[in-house]
């Protein structure tokens, strides 16, 4: 996530009403039936754009955040959010998820189909990480965490990019300490991870199956 609460940029971001999530079936943590939610979430009648500074403070809406785990074999891409990260609440936190807001420049994607949404996600990831290998994109879960200030206003769509080779390079200055680590190595870093990454790490075997 690249949300910013203290000084969020002036832009419009894609949201759904919290009441839609409640109607579909609210949950805490991961939900491994994403299809139950995606058709409704990606319906143009149900998602719309809201000013980011407003959305960051409004728990009656959920900002849609693709959250992408890059895997190769039993290893997952790990990085640390540097001081240039847009979300100051997550600076210096370790992460295994690449992702960001869908903003108004992505609006045309949601007039189309899921393939267009995935293309938008690949573009968002490509702004932060250059993937120099073939990969398979799978949507494996949704992530909701109402236990934190950041989580209450975001809803994650968890993707796994299965890479043919561990061949990536960072593009954003906010990304540091990039490495592919296995589950045991990640568990030793668990307490330093952002909350969403902790949730994904705890179910990593199921997410990456």
N, C-alpha and C. Protein backbone atom coordinates (compact mmCIF):
# COMPACT_ATOMS: atom_id res chain seq x y z
N UNK A 1 0.84 -1.19 0.00
CA UNK A 1 0.00 0.00 0.00
C UNK A 1 0.88 1.24 0.00
N UNK A 2 0.41 2.24 -0.70
CA UNK A 2 1.15 3.49 -0.68
C UNK A 2 0.27 4.63 -0.24
N UNK A 3 -0.69 4.32 0.63
CA UNK A 3 -1.58 5.35 1.13
C UNK A 3 -0.83 6.31 2.03
N UNK A 4 -1.26 7.55 2.11
CA UNK A 4 -0.61 8.50 2.99
C UNK A 4 -1.62 9.22 3.85
N UNK A 5 -1.53 9.07 5.16
CA UNK A 5 -2.52 9.70 6.03
C UNK A 5 -2.10 11.10 6.44
N UNK A 6 -0.78 11.27 6.75
CA UNK A 6 -0.36 12.56 7.28
C UNK A 6 -0.39 13.64 6.22
N UNK A 7 -0.02 13.32 5.00
CA UNK A 7 -0.03 14.30 3.93
C UNK A 7 -0.28 13.59 2.60
N UNK A 8 -1.48 13.03 2.42
CA UNK A 8 -1.74 12.26 1.22
C UNK A 8 -1.76 13.15 -0.01
N UNK A 9 -1.27 12.63 -1.15
CA UNK A 9 -1.31 13.44 -2.37
C UNK A 9 -2.74 13.75 -2.78
N UNK A 10 -2.89 14.82 -3.54
CA UNK A 10 -4.21 15.20 -4.02
C UNK A 10 -4.52 14.42 -5.29
N UNK A 11 -5.24 13.33 -5.15
CA UNK A 11 -5.62 12.50 -6.28
C UNK A 11 -6.89 11.77 -5.90
N UNK A 12 -7.53 11.18 -6.91
CA UNK A 12 -8.72 10.39 -6.67
C UNK A 12 -8.35 8.92 -6.75
N UNK A 13 -8.88 8.12 -5.81
CA UNK A 13 -8.54 6.70 -5.74
C UNK A 13 -9.82 5.87 -5.79
N UNK A 14 -9.66 4.64 -6.28
CA UNK A 14 -10.81 3.75 -6.44
C UNK A 14 -11.25 3.19 -5.09
N UNK A 15 -12.55 3.28 -4.82
CA UNK A 15 -13.10 2.80 -3.56
C UNK A 15 -14.40 2.03 -3.80
N UNK A 16 -14.78 1.27 -2.80
CA UNK A 16 -16.14 0.74 -2.69
C UNK A 16 -16.69 1.20 -1.35
N UNK A 17 -17.99 1.13 -1.20
CA UNK A 17 -18.57 1.44 0.11
C UNK A 17 -18.32 0.27 1.06
N UNK A 18 -18.03 0.58 2.29
CA UNK A 18 -17.85 -0.46 3.30
C UNK A 18 -19.10 -1.33 3.40
N UNK A 19 -20.27 -0.73 3.18
CA UNK A 19 -21.53 -1.47 3.27
C UNK A 19 -21.59 -2.59 2.23
N UNK A 20 -20.92 -2.43 1.08
CA UNK A 20 -20.90 -3.49 0.07
C UNK A 20 -20.12 -4.69 0.60
N UNK A 21 -18.99 -4.44 1.23
CA UNK A 21 -18.22 -5.54 1.82
C UNK A 21 -19.04 -6.24 2.89
N UNK A 22 -19.72 -5.48 3.71
CA UNK A 22 -20.56 -6.08 4.74
C UNK A 22 -21.68 -6.92 4.12
N UNK A 23 -22.24 -6.42 3.03
CA UNK A 23 -23.31 -7.14 2.35
C UNK A 23 -22.80 -8.46 1.75
N UNK A 24 -21.61 -8.43 1.18
CA UNK A 24 -21.03 -9.63 0.56
C UNK A 24 -20.53 -10.62 1.62
N UNK A 25 -20.20 -10.09 2.79
CA UNK A 25 -19.71 -10.92 3.88
C UNK A 25 -18.39 -10.41 4.40
N UNK A 26 -18.42 -9.57 5.43
CA UNK A 26 -17.20 -9.00 5.97
C UNK A 26 -16.38 -10.09 6.66
N UNK A 27 -15.09 -9.87 6.76
CA UNK A 27 -14.18 -10.85 7.36
C UNK A 27 -12.95 -10.12 7.89
N UNK A 28 -12.21 -10.78 8.73
CA UNK A 28 -10.96 -10.24 9.27
C UNK A 28 -9.82 -11.14 8.81
N UNK A 29 -8.78 -10.53 8.22
CA UNK A 29 -7.65 -11.32 7.72
C UNK A 29 -7.86 -11.69 6.26
N UNK A 30 -7.50 -12.92 5.91
CA UNK A 30 -7.59 -13.37 4.52
C UNK A 30 -8.89 -14.11 4.25
N UNK A 31 -9.42 -13.92 3.06
CA UNK A 31 -10.56 -14.70 2.59
C UNK A 31 -10.14 -15.37 1.29
N UNK A 32 -10.21 -16.72 1.27
CA UNK A 32 -9.69 -17.48 0.14
C UNK A 32 -10.76 -17.78 -0.91
N UNK A 33 -11.85 -17.03 -0.88
CA UNK A 33 -12.88 -17.13 -1.92
C UNK A 33 -13.02 -15.78 -2.63
N UNK A 34 -11.96 -15.31 -3.28
CA UNK A 34 -12.01 -13.97 -3.88
C UNK A 34 -13.09 -13.82 -4.94
N UNK A 35 -13.40 -14.92 -5.63
CA UNK A 35 -14.39 -14.82 -6.70
C UNK A 35 -15.76 -14.39 -6.16
N UNK A 36 -16.03 -14.74 -4.91
CA UNK A 36 -17.30 -14.37 -4.28
C UNK A 36 -17.45 -12.85 -4.22
N UNK A 37 -16.33 -12.13 -4.21
CA UNK A 37 -16.34 -10.69 -4.03
C UNK A 37 -15.99 -9.91 -5.29
N UNK A 38 -15.10 -10.47 -6.12
CA UNK A 38 -14.51 -9.68 -7.19
C UNK A 38 -15.51 -9.17 -8.21
N UNK A 39 -16.47 -10.02 -8.60
CA UNK A 39 -17.42 -9.59 -9.62
C UNK A 39 -18.18 -8.35 -9.16
N UNK A 40 -18.54 -8.32 -7.88
CA UNK A 40 -19.25 -7.15 -7.34
C UNK A 40 -18.31 -5.95 -7.19
N UNK A 41 -17.11 -6.19 -6.67
CA UNK A 41 -16.17 -5.10 -6.44
C UNK A 41 -15.77 -4.42 -7.74
N UNK A 42 -15.59 -5.21 -8.80
CA UNK A 42 -15.13 -4.67 -10.07
C UNK A 42 -16.27 -4.25 -10.99
N UNK A 43 -17.49 -4.27 -10.48
CA UNK A 43 -18.64 -3.77 -11.24
C UNK A 43 -18.66 -2.26 -11.18
N UNK A 44 -18.84 -1.63 -12.33
CA UNK A 44 -18.79 -0.17 -12.38
C UNK A 44 -19.87 0.48 -11.53
N UNK A 45 -20.95 -0.21 -11.28
CA UNK A 45 -21.97 0.38 -10.43
C UNK A 45 -21.58 0.41 -8.96
N UNK A 46 -20.57 -0.37 -8.59
CA UNK A 46 -20.21 -0.51 -7.18
C UNK A 46 -18.90 0.16 -6.79
N UNK A 47 -18.05 0.49 -7.76
CA UNK A 47 -16.81 1.19 -7.41
C UNK A 47 -16.80 2.57 -8.05
N UNK A 48 -16.11 3.49 -7.41
CA UNK A 48 -16.06 4.87 -7.90
C UNK A 48 -14.84 5.53 -7.30
N UNK A 49 -14.62 6.78 -7.68
CA UNK A 49 -13.41 7.47 -7.24
C UNK A 49 -13.73 8.51 -6.16
N UNK A 50 -12.82 8.58 -5.19
CA UNK A 50 -12.97 9.49 -4.05
C UNK A 50 -11.63 10.17 -3.84
N UNK A 51 -11.66 11.41 -3.41
CA UNK A 51 -10.40 12.10 -3.12
C UNK A 51 -9.62 11.32 -2.06
N UNK A 52 -8.33 11.14 -2.32
CA UNK A 52 -7.54 10.30 -1.44
C UNK A 52 -7.46 10.85 -0.02
N UNK A 53 -7.34 12.19 0.10
CA UNK A 53 -7.24 12.74 1.46
C UNK A 53 -8.52 12.49 2.24
N UNK A 54 -9.66 12.46 1.54
CA UNK A 54 -10.92 12.13 2.20
C UNK A 54 -11.01 10.64 2.51
N UNK A 55 -10.62 9.81 1.54
CA UNK A 55 -10.73 8.36 1.69
C UNK A 55 -9.87 7.84 2.84
N UNK A 56 -8.72 8.47 3.07
CA UNK A 56 -7.82 8.01 4.13
C UNK A 56 -8.44 8.16 5.52
N UNK A 57 -9.43 9.05 5.64
CA UNK A 57 -10.01 9.34 6.95
C UNK A 57 -11.45 8.83 7.07
N UNK A 58 -11.90 8.07 6.06
CA UNK A 58 -13.32 7.71 5.98
C UNK A 58 -13.51 6.20 5.98
N UNK A 59 -13.71 5.58 7.15
CA UNK A 59 -13.87 4.13 7.21
C UNK A 59 -15.19 3.61 6.66
N UNK A 60 -16.07 4.51 6.15
CA UNK A 60 -17.28 4.03 5.48
C UNK A 60 -16.98 3.63 4.03
N UNK A 61 -15.73 3.84 3.60
CA UNK A 61 -15.30 3.41 2.27
C UNK A 61 -14.01 2.59 2.40
N UNK A 62 -13.81 1.71 1.44
CA UNK A 62 -12.60 0.90 1.38
C UNK A 62 -11.88 1.20 0.06
N UNK A 63 -10.61 1.58 0.15
CA UNK A 63 -9.79 1.77 -1.04
C UNK A 63 -9.30 0.40 -1.54
N UNK A 64 -9.43 0.16 -2.84
CA UNK A 64 -9.05 -1.13 -3.42
C UNK A 64 -7.55 -1.11 -3.72
N UNK A 65 -6.82 -2.04 -3.08
CA UNK A 65 -5.37 -2.08 -3.22
C UNK A 65 -4.93 -3.46 -3.71
N UNK A 66 -4.46 -3.59 -4.96
CA UNK A 66 -3.82 -4.84 -5.36
C UNK A 66 -2.56 -5.03 -4.51
N UNK A 67 -2.36 -6.24 -3.98
CA UNK A 67 -1.22 -6.55 -3.11
C UNK A 67 -0.57 -7.79 -3.68
N UNK A 68 0.59 -7.62 -4.31
CA UNK A 68 1.18 -8.66 -5.15
C UNK A 68 2.40 -9.28 -4.48
N UNK A 69 2.36 -10.61 -4.29
CA UNK A 69 3.50 -11.37 -3.81
C UNK A 69 4.23 -11.94 -5.02
N UNK A 70 5.52 -11.68 -5.12
CA UNK A 70 6.34 -12.21 -6.21
C UNK A 70 7.08 -13.43 -5.68
N UNK A 71 6.83 -14.60 -6.27
CA UNK A 71 7.43 -15.83 -5.77
C UNK A 71 8.26 -16.53 -6.84
N UNK A 72 9.27 -17.24 -6.38
CA UNK A 72 10.04 -18.14 -7.26
C UNK A 72 10.37 -19.37 -6.43
N UNK A 73 9.79 -20.50 -6.81
CA UNK A 73 9.95 -21.70 -5.99
C UNK A 73 9.35 -21.46 -4.61
N UNK A 74 10.15 -21.72 -3.58
CA UNK A 74 9.64 -21.53 -2.21
C UNK A 74 10.06 -20.18 -1.63
N UNK A 75 10.51 -19.29 -2.47
CA UNK A 75 10.99 -17.99 -1.99
C UNK A 75 10.06 -16.85 -2.44
N UNK A 76 10.01 -15.81 -1.62
CA UNK A 76 9.14 -14.67 -1.87
C UNK A 76 9.98 -13.40 -1.83
N UNK A 77 9.65 -12.45 -2.71
CA UNK A 77 10.37 -11.19 -2.72
C UNK A 77 10.10 -10.41 -1.43
N UNK A 78 11.16 -10.00 -0.78
CA UNK A 78 11.10 -9.21 0.45
C UNK A 78 11.78 -7.88 0.18
N UNK A 79 11.25 -6.81 0.78
CA UNK A 79 11.93 -5.51 0.68
C UNK A 79 11.58 -4.69 1.91
N UNK A 80 12.27 -3.58 2.07
CA UNK A 80 12.00 -2.64 3.16
C UNK A 80 11.58 -1.32 2.54
N UNK A 81 10.52 -0.73 3.09
CA UNK A 81 10.06 0.56 2.59
C UNK A 81 10.97 1.67 3.12
N UNK A 82 11.63 2.36 2.21
CA UNK A 82 12.54 3.43 2.60
C UNK A 82 11.82 4.70 2.97
N UNK A 83 12.58 5.73 3.31
CA UNK A 83 12.00 6.97 3.81
C UNK A 83 11.23 7.74 2.75
N UNK A 84 11.40 7.37 1.48
CA UNK A 84 10.67 8.05 0.41
C UNK A 84 9.29 7.43 0.18
N UNK A 85 8.92 6.43 0.96
CA UNK A 85 7.63 5.77 0.78
C UNK A 85 6.49 6.77 0.96
N UNK A 86 5.45 6.64 0.15
CA UNK A 86 4.33 7.57 0.23
C UNK A 86 3.51 7.40 1.50
N UNK A 87 3.46 6.20 2.04
CA UNK A 87 2.70 5.93 3.26
C UNK A 87 3.65 6.02 4.45
N UNK A 88 3.64 7.18 5.13
CA UNK A 88 4.61 7.39 6.21
C UNK A 88 4.39 6.44 7.39
N UNK A 89 3.17 5.88 7.52
CA UNK A 89 2.91 4.94 8.61
C UNK A 89 3.62 3.61 8.39
N UNK A 90 4.11 3.37 7.16
CA UNK A 90 4.74 2.09 6.85
C UNK A 90 6.24 2.20 6.60
N UNK A 91 6.82 3.40 6.75
CA UNK A 91 8.24 3.59 6.51
C UNK A 91 9.06 2.71 7.44
N UNK A 92 10.13 2.14 6.90
CA UNK A 92 11.08 1.23 7.56
C UNK A 92 10.49 -0.14 7.86
N UNK A 93 9.25 -0.37 7.46
CA UNK A 93 8.64 -1.68 7.65
C UNK A 93 9.06 -2.61 6.51
N UNK A 94 9.30 -3.88 6.85
CA UNK A 94 9.53 -4.88 5.83
C UNK A 94 8.22 -5.26 5.17
N UNK A 95 8.29 -5.75 3.93
CA UNK A 95 7.08 -6.11 3.20
C UNK A 95 7.36 -7.25 2.23
N UNK A 96 6.32 -8.05 1.98
CA UNK A 96 6.38 -9.04 0.90
C UNK A 96 5.30 -8.75 -0.14
N UNK A 97 4.68 -7.57 -0.06
CA UNK A 97 3.62 -7.20 -1.00
C UNK A 97 3.96 -5.93 -1.76
N UNK A 98 3.85 -5.99 -3.09
CA UNK A 98 3.99 -4.81 -3.93
C UNK A 98 2.59 -4.38 -4.33
N UNK A 99 2.29 -3.11 -4.23
CA UNK A 99 0.96 -2.69 -4.62
C UNK A 99 0.75 -1.22 -4.42
N UNK A 100 -0.41 -0.75 -4.86
CA UNK A 100 -0.74 0.66 -4.71
C UNK A 100 -2.17 0.91 -5.09
N UNK A 101 -2.57 2.15 -4.95
CA UNK A 101 -3.94 2.54 -5.26
C UNK A 101 -4.20 2.45 -6.76
N UNK A 102 -5.47 2.18 -7.08
CA UNK A 102 -5.94 2.37 -8.44
C UNK A 102 -6.46 3.81 -8.48
N UNK A 103 -5.81 4.68 -9.25
CA UNK A 103 -6.26 6.07 -9.27
C UNK A 103 -7.03 6.38 -10.53
N UNK A 104 -7.41 7.65 -10.67
CA UNK A 104 -8.37 7.99 -11.71
C UNK A 104 -7.85 7.74 -13.11
N UNK A 105 -6.54 7.71 -13.27
CA UNK A 105 -5.99 7.40 -14.59
C UNK A 105 -6.27 5.96 -15.00
N UNK A 106 -6.68 5.13 -14.03
CA UNK A 106 -7.00 3.73 -14.31
C UNK A 106 -8.48 3.52 -14.61
N UNK A 107 -9.25 4.61 -14.68
CA UNK A 107 -10.71 4.48 -14.73
C UNK A 107 -11.17 3.59 -15.88
N UNK A 108 -10.53 3.70 -17.04
CA UNK A 108 -10.99 2.93 -18.19
C UNK A 108 -10.90 1.42 -17.94
N UNK A 109 -10.00 1.02 -17.05
CA UNK A 109 -9.84 -0.41 -16.77
C UNK A 109 -11.15 -1.01 -16.26
N UNK A 110 -11.87 -0.26 -15.48
CA UNK A 110 -13.03 -0.82 -14.80
C UNK A 110 -14.30 -0.74 -15.64
N UNK A 111 -14.13 -0.21 -16.87
CA UNK A 111 -15.23 -0.30 -17.82
C UNK A 111 -15.10 -1.59 -18.62
N UNK A 112 -13.97 -2.28 -18.42
CA UNK A 112 -13.68 -3.46 -19.21
C UNK A 112 -13.81 -4.71 -18.35
N UNK A 113 -12.94 -5.68 -18.53
CA UNK A 113 -13.09 -6.95 -17.84
C UNK A 113 -11.93 -7.19 -16.88
N UNK A 114 -11.90 -8.37 -16.29
CA UNK A 114 -10.87 -8.66 -15.30
C UNK A 114 -9.48 -8.67 -15.92
N UNK A 115 -9.39 -9.05 -17.19
CA UNK A 115 -8.08 -9.03 -17.86
C UNK A 115 -7.51 -7.62 -17.88
N UNK A 116 -8.38 -6.64 -18.08
CA UNK A 116 -7.93 -5.25 -18.08
C UNK A 116 -7.50 -4.82 -16.67
N UNK A 117 -8.23 -5.29 -15.67
CA UNK A 117 -7.83 -5.01 -14.28
C UNK A 117 -6.43 -5.57 -14.02
N UNK A 118 -6.19 -6.82 -14.44
CA UNK A 118 -4.88 -7.43 -14.21
C UNK A 118 -3.77 -6.66 -14.92
N UNK A 119 -4.09 -6.15 -16.12
CA UNK A 119 -3.10 -5.35 -16.83
C UNK A 119 -2.76 -4.08 -16.04
N UNK A 120 -3.79 -3.50 -15.41
CA UNK A 120 -3.56 -2.34 -14.57
C UNK A 120 -2.69 -2.66 -13.37
N UNK A 121 -2.92 -3.83 -12.79
CA UNK A 121 -2.11 -4.26 -11.66
C UNK A 121 -0.65 -4.44 -12.09
N UNK A 122 -0.45 -5.07 -13.24
CA UNK A 122 0.92 -5.27 -13.73
C UNK A 122 1.61 -3.93 -13.94
N UNK A 123 0.86 -2.93 -14.42
CA UNK A 123 1.45 -1.62 -14.60
C UNK A 123 1.83 -0.99 -13.26
N UNK A 124 0.94 -1.13 -12.27
CA UNK A 124 1.23 -0.59 -10.94
C UNK A 124 2.49 -1.23 -10.35
N UNK A 125 2.58 -2.56 -10.46
CA UNK A 125 3.76 -3.26 -9.95
C UNK A 125 5.00 -2.82 -10.71
N UNK A 126 4.85 -2.65 -12.04
CA UNK A 126 5.98 -2.27 -12.88
C UNK A 126 6.55 -0.91 -12.57
N UNK A 127 5.77 -0.06 -11.89
CA UNK A 127 6.29 1.24 -11.48
C UNK A 127 7.29 1.10 -10.34
N UNK A 128 7.19 0.01 -9.59
CA UNK A 128 8.05 -0.17 -8.42
C UNK A 128 9.14 -1.21 -8.65
N UNK A 129 8.80 -2.27 -9.40
CA UNK A 129 9.73 -3.38 -9.61
C UNK A 129 9.72 -3.74 -11.10
N UNK A 130 10.92 -3.86 -11.69
CA UNK A 130 11.02 -4.36 -13.06
C UNK A 130 11.13 -5.88 -13.01
N UNK A 131 10.17 -6.57 -13.63
CA UNK A 131 10.16 -8.04 -13.67
C UNK A 131 10.73 -8.47 -15.01
N UNK A 132 11.93 -9.03 -15.00
CA UNK A 132 12.63 -9.38 -16.24
C UNK A 132 12.55 -10.87 -16.51
N UNK A 133 11.34 -11.43 -16.38
CA UNK A 133 11.13 -12.85 -16.62
C UNK A 133 9.65 -13.08 -16.86
N UNK A 134 9.30 -14.22 -17.39
CA UNK A 134 7.89 -14.57 -17.54
C UNK A 134 7.29 -14.88 -16.17
N UNK A 135 5.99 -14.65 -16.05
CA UNK A 135 5.34 -14.97 -14.78
C UNK A 135 3.87 -15.25 -15.00
N UNK A 136 3.27 -15.94 -14.03
CA UNK A 136 1.84 -16.26 -14.01
C UNK A 136 1.19 -15.44 -12.91
N UNK A 137 0.08 -14.78 -13.22
CA UNK A 137 -0.63 -13.93 -12.26
C UNK A 137 -1.88 -14.65 -11.78
N UNK A 138 -1.97 -14.90 -10.47
CA UNK A 138 -3.15 -15.53 -9.89
C UNK A 138 -3.69 -14.66 -8.76
N UNK A 139 -5.00 -14.44 -8.75
CA UNK A 139 -5.64 -13.79 -7.60
C UNK A 139 -6.00 -14.90 -6.61
N UNK A 140 -5.44 -14.84 -5.42
CA UNK A 140 -5.56 -15.96 -4.49
C UNK A 140 -6.42 -15.67 -3.27
N UNK A 141 -6.63 -14.39 -2.94
CA UNK A 141 -7.37 -14.08 -1.71
C UNK A 141 -7.71 -12.60 -1.69
N UNK A 142 -8.60 -12.24 -0.77
CA UNK A 142 -8.80 -10.85 -0.40
C UNK A 142 -8.28 -10.67 1.02
N UNK A 143 -7.88 -9.45 1.34
CA UNK A 143 -7.28 -9.17 2.65
C UNK A 143 -7.97 -7.97 3.26
N UNK A 144 -8.51 -8.15 4.45
CA UNK A 144 -9.16 -7.07 5.19
C UNK A 144 -8.65 -7.09 6.62
N UNK A 145 -8.17 -5.95 7.08
CA UNK A 145 -7.68 -5.87 8.46
C UNK A 145 -8.22 -4.61 9.11
N UNK A 146 -9.28 -4.77 9.88
CA UNK A 146 -9.89 -3.63 10.55
C UNK A 146 -9.25 -3.33 11.91
N UNK A 147 -8.13 -3.98 12.21
CA UNK A 147 -7.51 -3.79 13.52
C UNK A 147 -6.52 -2.63 13.54
N UNK A 148 -6.22 -2.06 12.36
CA UNK A 148 -5.27 -0.95 12.32
C UNK A 148 -5.89 0.25 11.61
N UNK A 149 -5.31 1.41 11.85
CA UNK A 149 -5.78 2.65 11.22
C UNK A 149 -5.67 2.56 9.70
N UNK A 150 -4.54 2.03 9.21
CA UNK A 150 -4.35 1.89 7.77
C UNK A 150 -5.34 0.89 7.20
N UNK A 151 -5.47 -0.26 7.88
CA UNK A 151 -6.30 -1.33 7.36
C UNK A 151 -7.77 -1.00 7.27
N UNK A 152 -8.26 -0.17 8.17
CA UNK A 152 -9.70 0.12 8.20
C UNK A 152 -10.21 0.80 6.93
N UNK A 153 -9.30 1.46 6.20
CA UNK A 153 -9.74 2.18 5.01
C UNK A 153 -9.23 1.56 3.71
N UNK A 154 -8.72 0.31 3.79
CA UNK A 154 -8.21 -0.37 2.61
C UNK A 154 -8.73 -1.80 2.54
N UNK A 155 -8.84 -2.31 1.31
CA UNK A 155 -9.18 -3.71 1.05
C UNK A 155 -8.18 -4.23 0.03
N UNK A 156 -7.46 -5.29 0.40
CA UNK A 156 -6.43 -5.83 -0.47
C UNK A 156 -6.95 -6.94 -1.37
N UNK A 157 -6.52 -6.91 -2.63
CA UNK A 157 -6.73 -8.03 -3.55
C UNK A 157 -5.37 -8.70 -3.69
N UNK A 158 -5.21 -9.89 -3.10
CA UNK A 158 -3.90 -10.53 -3.03
C UNK A 158 -3.64 -11.33 -4.30
N UNK A 159 -2.60 -10.93 -5.02
CA UNK A 159 -2.14 -11.63 -6.22
C UNK A 159 -0.85 -12.37 -5.89
N UNK A 160 -0.61 -13.48 -6.56
CA UNK A 160 0.70 -14.12 -6.55
C UNK A 160 1.20 -14.14 -7.98
N UNK A 161 2.36 -13.50 -8.20
CA UNK A 161 3.05 -13.60 -9.48
C UNK A 161 4.10 -14.71 -9.33
N UNK A 162 3.88 -15.85 -10.00
CA UNK A 162 4.86 -16.93 -9.97
C UNK A 162 5.88 -16.68 -11.07
N UNK A 163 7.11 -16.37 -10.69
CA UNK A 163 8.14 -15.99 -11.65
C UNK A 163 8.88 -17.23 -12.17
N UNK A 164 9.19 -17.22 -13.48
CA UNK A 164 9.98 -18.31 -14.05
C UNK A 164 11.42 -18.25 -13.54
N UNK A 165 11.93 -17.05 -13.31
CA UNK A 165 13.28 -16.83 -12.78
C UNK A 165 13.21 -15.71 -11.75
N UNK A 166 14.10 -15.74 -10.74
CA UNK A 166 14.09 -14.68 -9.72
C UNK A 166 14.82 -13.44 -10.24
N UNK A 167 14.33 -12.90 -11.34
CA UNK A 167 15.04 -11.84 -12.05
C UNK A 167 14.24 -10.55 -11.98
N UNK A 168 14.47 -9.76 -10.94
CA UNK A 168 13.76 -8.49 -10.76
C UNK A 168 14.77 -7.42 -10.35
N UNK A 169 14.39 -6.18 -10.55
CA UNK A 169 15.20 -5.06 -10.06
C UNK A 169 14.27 -3.94 -9.63
N UNK A 170 14.68 -3.20 -8.63
CA UNK A 170 13.82 -2.13 -8.12
C UNK A 170 13.85 -0.93 -9.05
N UNK A 171 12.73 -0.23 -9.10
CA UNK A 171 12.63 1.02 -9.86
C UNK A 171 12.38 2.21 -8.97
N UNK A 172 11.80 1.97 -7.79
CA UNK A 172 11.44 3.05 -6.88
C UNK A 172 12.49 3.22 -5.80
N UNK A 173 12.81 4.48 -5.48
CA UNK A 173 13.77 4.75 -4.41
C UNK A 173 13.25 4.27 -3.06
N UNK A 174 11.90 4.16 -2.93
CA UNK A 174 11.33 3.74 -1.65
C UNK A 174 11.61 2.28 -1.34
N UNK A 175 12.05 1.51 -2.32
CA UNK A 175 12.26 0.07 -2.13
C UNK A 175 13.74 -0.20 -1.87
N UNK A 176 14.04 -0.81 -0.72
CA UNK A 176 15.42 -1.11 -0.36
C UNK A 176 15.52 -2.55 0.13
N UNK A 177 16.74 -3.05 0.25
CA UNK A 177 17.01 -4.37 0.83
C UNK A 177 16.25 -5.49 0.11
N UNK A 178 16.20 -5.44 -1.20
CA UNK A 178 15.44 -6.43 -1.97
C UNK A 178 16.13 -7.79 -1.95
N UNK A 179 15.36 -8.85 -1.64
CA UNK A 179 15.91 -10.21 -1.62
C UNK A 179 14.78 -11.22 -1.71
N UNK A 180 15.06 -12.38 -2.31
CA UNK A 180 14.11 -13.49 -2.29
C UNK A 180 14.43 -14.36 -1.08
N UNK A 181 13.45 -14.53 -0.18
CA UNK A 181 13.66 -15.27 1.06
C UNK A 181 12.63 -16.38 1.19
N UNK A 182 13.04 -17.48 1.86
CA UNK A 182 12.07 -18.55 2.10
C UNK A 182 11.27 -18.26 3.37
N UNK A 183 10.30 -19.13 3.65
CA UNK A 183 9.38 -18.86 4.75
C UNK A 183 10.11 -18.78 6.10
N UNK A 184 11.07 -19.64 6.32
CA UNK A 184 11.81 -19.60 7.59
C UNK A 184 12.57 -18.29 7.75
N UNK A 185 13.19 -17.84 6.67
CA UNK A 185 13.92 -16.57 6.73
C UNK A 185 12.96 -15.40 6.98
N UNK A 186 11.79 -15.47 6.36
CA UNK A 186 10.80 -14.41 6.56
C UNK A 186 10.26 -14.41 7.98
N UNK A 187 10.06 -15.60 8.54
CA UNK A 187 9.52 -15.68 9.91
C UNK A 187 10.46 -15.02 10.91
N UNK A 188 11.77 -15.07 10.66
CA UNK A 188 12.70 -14.41 11.58
C UNK A 188 12.56 -12.88 11.51
N UNK A 189 11.95 -12.39 10.44
CA UNK A 189 11.75 -10.95 10.28
C UNK A 189 10.30 -10.55 10.53
N UNK A 190 9.48 -11.47 10.99
CA UNK A 190 8.04 -11.23 11.05
C UNK A 190 7.67 -9.97 11.82
N UNK A 191 8.28 -9.74 12.96
CA UNK A 191 7.90 -8.61 13.80
C UNK A 191 8.20 -7.27 13.16
N UNK A 192 9.10 -7.24 12.17
CA UNK A 192 9.43 -5.98 11.50
C UNK A 192 8.58 -5.76 10.25
N UNK A 193 7.71 -6.71 9.91
CA UNK A 193 6.90 -6.60 8.70
C UNK A 193 5.66 -5.74 8.94
N UNK A 194 5.18 -5.06 7.88
CA UNK A 194 3.90 -4.38 7.96
C UNK A 194 2.80 -5.41 8.18
N UNK A 195 1.69 -4.98 8.73
CA UNK A 195 0.64 -5.90 9.17
C UNK A 195 0.14 -6.79 8.05
N UNK A 196 -0.11 -6.23 6.86
CA UNK A 196 -0.61 -7.05 5.76
C UNK A 196 0.37 -8.16 5.41
N UNK A 197 1.66 -7.86 5.45
CA UNK A 197 2.66 -8.88 5.15
C UNK A 197 2.70 -9.95 6.24
N UNK A 198 2.50 -9.57 7.49
CA UNK A 198 2.43 -10.57 8.56
C UNK A 198 1.27 -11.52 8.31
N UNK A 199 0.11 -10.96 7.92
CA UNK A 199 -1.07 -11.78 7.67
C UNK A 199 -0.80 -12.75 6.51
N UNK A 200 -0.18 -12.25 5.44
CA UNK A 200 0.13 -13.12 4.29
C UNK A 200 1.18 -14.17 4.66
N UNK A 201 2.18 -13.77 5.40
CA UNK A 201 3.23 -14.71 5.79
C UNK A 201 2.67 -15.86 6.60
N UNK A 202 1.73 -15.58 7.48
CA UNK A 202 1.16 -16.61 8.34
C UNK A 202 0.37 -17.65 7.54
N UNK A 203 -0.04 -17.31 6.31
CA UNK A 203 -0.76 -18.26 5.45
C UNK A 203 -0.04 -18.46 4.12
N UNK A 204 1.30 -18.31 4.15
CA UNK A 204 2.06 -18.29 2.91
C UNK A 204 1.93 -19.59 2.12
N UNK A 205 1.93 -20.72 2.80
CA UNK A 205 1.84 -22.00 2.09
C UNK A 205 0.53 -22.09 1.31
N UNK A 206 -0.56 -21.64 1.91
CA UNK A 206 -1.85 -21.70 1.23
C UNK A 206 -1.92 -20.69 0.08
N UNK A 207 -1.35 -19.51 0.30
CA UNK A 207 -1.38 -18.48 -0.74
C UNK A 207 -0.58 -18.89 -1.97
N UNK A 208 0.54 -19.54 -1.75
CA UNK A 208 1.45 -19.86 -2.85
C UNK A 208 1.30 -21.27 -3.38
N UNK A 209 0.28 -22.01 -2.90
CA UNK A 209 0.07 -23.40 -3.34
C UNK A 209 -0.25 -23.46 -4.83
